[in-house]
Amino acid sequence: MLPILQKLSFQLEFSENKLIVLLGQEVYEFFCDNKTPYENLQGKPLKWGDFLLFPTFSLTQLLRQPQLKIQAHQEFLTLKGYL
């Protein structure tokens, strides 16, 4: 685990949050050393230590491709079920 992720993990332990929303592929790749293509995991919860990661679209991607808003809405409805 990268030192920055160790520090982040340590800080997150003090919060009561157990869910982390990853906005975009770059953020997903920063957190996960997973070789599975991002497109196969987007919108699906992933286990990361004691936390649940939820990768979804970046805000920039949604602004540049408005047609993705329907899928993003469906993903956020899925996310709502984990809150």
N, C-alpha and C. Protein backbone atom coordinates (compact mmCIF):
# COMPACT_ATOMS: atom_id res chain seq x y z
N MET A 1 0.84 -1.17 0.00
CA MET A 1 0.00 0.00 0.00
C MET A 1 0.90 1.25 0.00
N LEU A 2 0.55 2.21 -0.83
CA LEU A 2 1.31 3.45 -0.89
C LEU A 2 1.25 4.19 0.44
N PRO A 3 2.31 4.91 0.82
CA PRO A 3 2.30 5.65 2.08
C PRO A 3 1.11 6.60 2.23
N ILE A 4 0.73 7.25 1.12
CA ILE A 4 -0.40 8.17 1.19
C ILE A 4 -1.69 7.42 1.50
N LEU A 5 -1.83 6.20 0.96
CA LEU A 5 -3.02 5.40 1.26
C LEU A 5 -3.01 4.92 2.70
N GLN A 6 -1.85 4.63 3.24
CA GLN A 6 -1.76 4.24 4.65
C GLN A 6 -2.20 5.39 5.53
N LYS A 7 -1.75 6.59 5.21
CA LYS A 7 -2.13 7.77 5.98
C LYS A 7 -3.63 8.03 5.86
N LEU A 8 -4.16 7.93 4.66
CA LEU A 8 -5.59 8.13 4.44
C LEU A 8 -6.39 7.08 5.19
N SER A 9 -5.97 5.83 5.13
CA SER A 9 -6.66 4.76 5.83
C SER A 9 -6.67 5.01 7.33
N PHE A 10 -5.55 5.49 7.85
CA PHE A 10 -5.45 5.81 9.28
C PHE A 10 -6.42 6.92 9.64
N GLN A 11 -6.52 7.96 8.81
CA GLN A 11 -7.43 9.07 9.08
C GLN A 11 -8.89 8.63 8.97
N LEU A 12 -9.17 7.75 8.03
CA LEU A 12 -10.55 7.28 7.86
C LEU A 12 -11.02 6.42 9.03
N GLU A 13 -10.08 5.78 9.71
CA GLU A 13 -10.45 4.96 10.86
C GLU A 13 -11.15 5.79 11.94
N PHE A 14 -10.81 7.06 12.02
CA PHE A 14 -11.39 7.93 13.04
C PHE A 14 -12.74 8.49 12.63
N SER A 15 -13.09 8.36 11.38
CA SER A 15 -14.41 8.81 10.94
C SER A 15 -15.38 7.64 11.07
N GLU A 16 -16.62 7.94 11.08
CA GLU A 16 -17.62 6.88 11.17
C GLU A 16 -18.06 6.43 9.78
N ASN A 17 -17.48 7.02 8.76
CA ASN A 17 -17.83 6.66 7.39
C ASN A 17 -17.26 5.29 7.04
N LYS A 18 -18.05 4.52 6.38
CA LYS A 18 -17.61 3.20 5.92
C LYS A 18 -17.76 3.07 4.42
N LEU A 19 -18.19 4.14 3.77
CA LEU A 19 -18.42 4.13 2.33
C LEU A 19 -17.63 5.27 1.69
N ILE A 20 -16.89 4.95 0.64
CA ILE A 20 -16.11 5.95 -0.09
C ILE A 20 -16.56 5.90 -1.54
N VAL A 21 -17.03 7.04 -2.05
CA VAL A 21 -17.45 7.13 -3.45
C VAL A 21 -16.25 7.61 -4.26
N LEU A 22 -15.86 6.84 -5.25
CA LEU A 22 -14.73 7.15 -6.11
C LEU A 22 -15.27 7.76 -7.40
N LEU A 23 -15.00 9.04 -7.61
CA LEU A 23 -15.52 9.74 -8.77
C LEU A 23 -14.53 9.67 -9.93
N GLY A 24 -14.64 8.64 -10.73
CA GLY A 24 -13.84 8.52 -11.94
C GLY A 24 -12.78 7.44 -11.90
N GLN A 25 -12.29 7.12 -13.07
CA GLN A 25 -11.33 6.04 -13.24
C GLN A 25 -9.99 6.34 -12.57
N GLU A 26 -9.53 7.58 -12.65
CA GLU A 26 -8.24 7.93 -12.05
C GLU A 26 -8.25 7.72 -10.54
N VAL A 27 -9.34 8.10 -9.90
CA VAL A 27 -9.45 7.93 -8.45
C VAL A 27 -9.52 6.44 -8.11
N TYR A 28 -10.27 5.69 -8.91
CA TYR A 28 -10.35 4.24 -8.71
C TYR A 28 -8.97 3.61 -8.80
N GLU A 29 -8.20 3.98 -9.82
CA GLU A 29 -6.88 3.39 -10.01
C GLU A 29 -5.92 3.78 -8.90
N PHE A 30 -6.13 4.95 -8.30
CA PHE A 30 -5.30 5.37 -7.17
C PHE A 30 -5.55 4.48 -5.95
N PHE A 31 -6.82 4.17 -5.70
CA PHE A 31 -7.18 3.36 -4.53
C PHE A 31 -6.94 1.88 -4.75
N CYS A 32 -7.18 1.40 -5.93
CA CYS A 32 -7.19 -0.05 -6.17
C CYS A 32 -6.02 -0.48 -7.05
N ASP A 33 -5.40 -1.55 -6.65
CA ASP A 33 -4.33 -2.14 -7.44
C ASP A 33 -4.90 -3.33 -8.21
N ASN A 34 -6.12 -3.18 -8.60
CA ASN A 34 -6.88 -4.24 -9.24
C ASN A 34 -6.66 -4.17 -10.75
N LYS A 35 -6.47 -5.29 -11.38
CA LYS A 35 -6.24 -5.34 -12.83
C LYS A 35 -7.54 -5.45 -13.62
N THR A 36 -8.66 -5.56 -12.93
CA THR A 36 -9.95 -5.63 -13.61
C THR A 36 -10.24 -4.27 -14.25
N PRO A 37 -10.68 -4.25 -15.50
CA PRO A 37 -10.99 -2.98 -16.15
C PRO A 37 -12.04 -2.18 -15.36
N TYR A 38 -11.80 -0.90 -15.29
CA TYR A 38 -12.70 0.00 -14.54
C TYR A 38 -14.16 -0.13 -15.00
N GLU A 39 -14.35 -0.25 -16.29
CA GLU A 39 -15.71 -0.33 -16.83
C GLU A 39 -16.48 -1.52 -16.27
N ASN A 40 -15.79 -2.60 -15.90
CA ASN A 40 -16.45 -3.78 -15.35
C ASN A 40 -16.82 -3.60 -13.88
N LEU A 41 -16.22 -2.63 -13.21
CA LEU A 41 -16.46 -2.44 -11.78
C LEU A 41 -17.27 -1.20 -11.46
N GLN A 42 -17.39 -0.33 -12.42
CA GLN A 42 -18.11 0.93 -12.19
C GLN A 42 -19.55 0.66 -11.78
N GLY A 43 -19.97 1.35 -10.72
CA GLY A 43 -21.34 1.20 -10.24
C GLY A 43 -21.56 -0.01 -9.35
N LYS A 44 -20.47 -0.69 -8.98
CA LYS A 44 -20.58 -1.87 -8.13
C LYS A 44 -19.71 -1.67 -6.89
N PRO A 45 -20.21 -2.03 -5.73
CA PRO A 45 -19.43 -1.85 -4.50
C PRO A 45 -18.24 -2.81 -4.44
N LEU A 46 -17.14 -2.31 -3.91
CA LEU A 46 -15.91 -3.10 -3.75
C LEU A 46 -15.44 -3.02 -2.31
N LYS A 47 -14.91 -4.09 -1.79
CA LYS A 47 -14.38 -4.11 -0.43
C LYS A 47 -12.94 -3.59 -0.44
N TRP A 48 -12.62 -2.67 0.48
CA TRP A 48 -11.26 -2.14 0.64
C TRP A 48 -11.00 -2.03 2.14
N GLY A 49 -10.37 -3.05 2.70
CA GLY A 49 -10.18 -3.08 4.15
C GLY A 49 -11.53 -3.13 4.85
N ASP A 50 -11.76 -2.18 5.74
CA ASP A 50 -13.05 -2.09 6.45
C ASP A 50 -14.03 -1.20 5.71
N PHE A 51 -13.68 -0.74 4.54
CA PHE A 51 -14.50 0.22 3.82
C PHE A 51 -15.11 -0.39 2.57
N LEU A 52 -16.17 0.25 2.13
CA LEU A 52 -16.82 -0.13 0.89
C LEU A 52 -16.54 0.99 -0.11
N LEU A 53 -15.93 0.66 -1.23
CA LEU A 53 -15.66 1.63 -2.29
C LEU A 53 -16.75 1.52 -3.34
N PHE A 54 -17.17 2.66 -3.86
CA PHE A 54 -18.20 2.67 -4.90
C PHE A 54 -17.71 3.54 -6.06
N PRO A 55 -17.11 2.93 -7.09
CA PRO A 55 -16.64 3.71 -8.23
C PRO A 55 -17.79 4.12 -9.15
N THR A 56 -17.78 5.37 -9.56
CA THR A 56 -18.80 5.88 -10.47
C THR A 56 -18.17 6.94 -11.37
N PHE A 57 -18.96 7.58 -12.18
CA PHE A 57 -18.47 8.56 -13.14
C PHE A 57 -17.83 9.76 -12.44
N SER A 58 -16.84 10.35 -13.10
CA SER A 58 -16.30 11.62 -12.61
C SER A 58 -17.27 12.72 -13.04
N LEU A 59 -17.24 13.82 -12.33
CA LEU A 59 -18.13 14.94 -12.66
C LEU A 59 -17.78 15.51 -14.03
N THR A 60 -16.50 15.54 -14.36
CA THR A 60 -16.08 16.04 -15.67
C THR A 60 -16.64 15.18 -16.79
N GLN A 61 -16.62 13.88 -16.58
CA GLN A 61 -17.14 12.96 -17.59
C GLN A 61 -18.64 13.20 -17.81
N LEU A 62 -19.35 13.43 -16.73
CA LEU A 62 -20.80 13.68 -16.85
C LEU A 62 -21.09 15.00 -17.55
N LEU A 63 -20.25 16.00 -17.31
CA LEU A 63 -20.45 17.28 -18.00
C LEU A 63 -20.15 17.18 -19.48
N ARG A 64 -19.15 16.39 -19.83
CA ARG A 64 -18.76 16.25 -21.24
C ARG A 64 -19.64 15.28 -22.01
N GLN A 65 -20.26 14.34 -21.29
CA GLN A 65 -21.11 13.33 -21.93
C GLN A 65 -22.45 13.26 -21.19
N PRO A 66 -23.34 14.21 -21.44
CA PRO A 66 -24.62 14.26 -20.72
C PRO A 66 -25.47 13.00 -20.86
N GLN A 67 -25.24 12.23 -21.92
CA GLN A 67 -26.02 11.00 -22.11
C GLN A 67 -25.74 9.96 -21.02
N LEU A 68 -24.66 10.14 -20.27
CA LEU A 68 -24.32 9.21 -19.19
C LEU A 68 -25.09 9.49 -17.90
N LYS A 69 -25.82 10.59 -17.86
CA LYS A 69 -26.52 10.98 -16.63
C LYS A 69 -27.55 9.95 -16.19
N ILE A 70 -28.19 9.29 -17.13
CA ILE A 70 -29.19 8.27 -16.76
C ILE A 70 -28.51 7.11 -16.04
N GLN A 71 -27.40 6.64 -16.58
CA GLN A 71 -26.66 5.55 -15.93
C GLN A 71 -26.12 6.01 -14.58
N ALA A 72 -25.63 7.25 -14.52
CA ALA A 72 -25.12 7.78 -13.25
C ALA A 72 -26.24 7.84 -12.21
N HIS A 73 -27.42 8.25 -12.63
CA HIS A 73 -28.56 8.29 -11.72
C HIS A 73 -28.87 6.90 -11.18
N GLN A 74 -28.83 5.90 -12.04
CA GLN A 74 -29.08 4.52 -11.60
C GLN A 74 -28.01 4.06 -10.62
N GLU A 75 -26.76 4.44 -10.87
CA GLU A 75 -25.68 4.07 -9.95
C GLU A 75 -25.85 4.74 -8.59
N PHE A 76 -26.28 5.99 -8.60
CA PHE A 76 -26.49 6.67 -7.31
C PHE A 76 -27.70 6.11 -6.57
N LEU A 77 -28.68 5.60 -7.28
CA LEU A 77 -29.78 4.92 -6.60
C LEU A 77 -29.27 3.64 -5.94
N THR A 78 -28.38 2.93 -6.61
CA THR A 78 -27.75 1.75 -6.02
C THR A 78 -26.95 2.14 -4.79
N LEU A 79 -26.20 3.22 -4.93
CA LEU A 79 -25.39 3.73 -3.82
C LEU A 79 -26.26 4.08 -2.61
N LYS A 80 -27.41 4.65 -2.87
CA LYS A 80 -28.33 5.05 -1.79
C LYS A 80 -28.69 3.85 -0.90
N GLY A 81 -28.75 2.68 -1.49
CA GLY A 81 -29.08 1.47 -0.74
C GLY A 81 -28.01 1.09 0.28
N TYR A 82 -26.81 1.62 0.14
CA TYR A 82 -25.71 1.31 1.06
C TYR A 82 -25.57 2.35 2.18
N LEU A 83 -26.37 3.40 2.12
CA LEU A 83 -26.28 4.44 3.15
C LEU A 83 -27.11 4.10 4.37
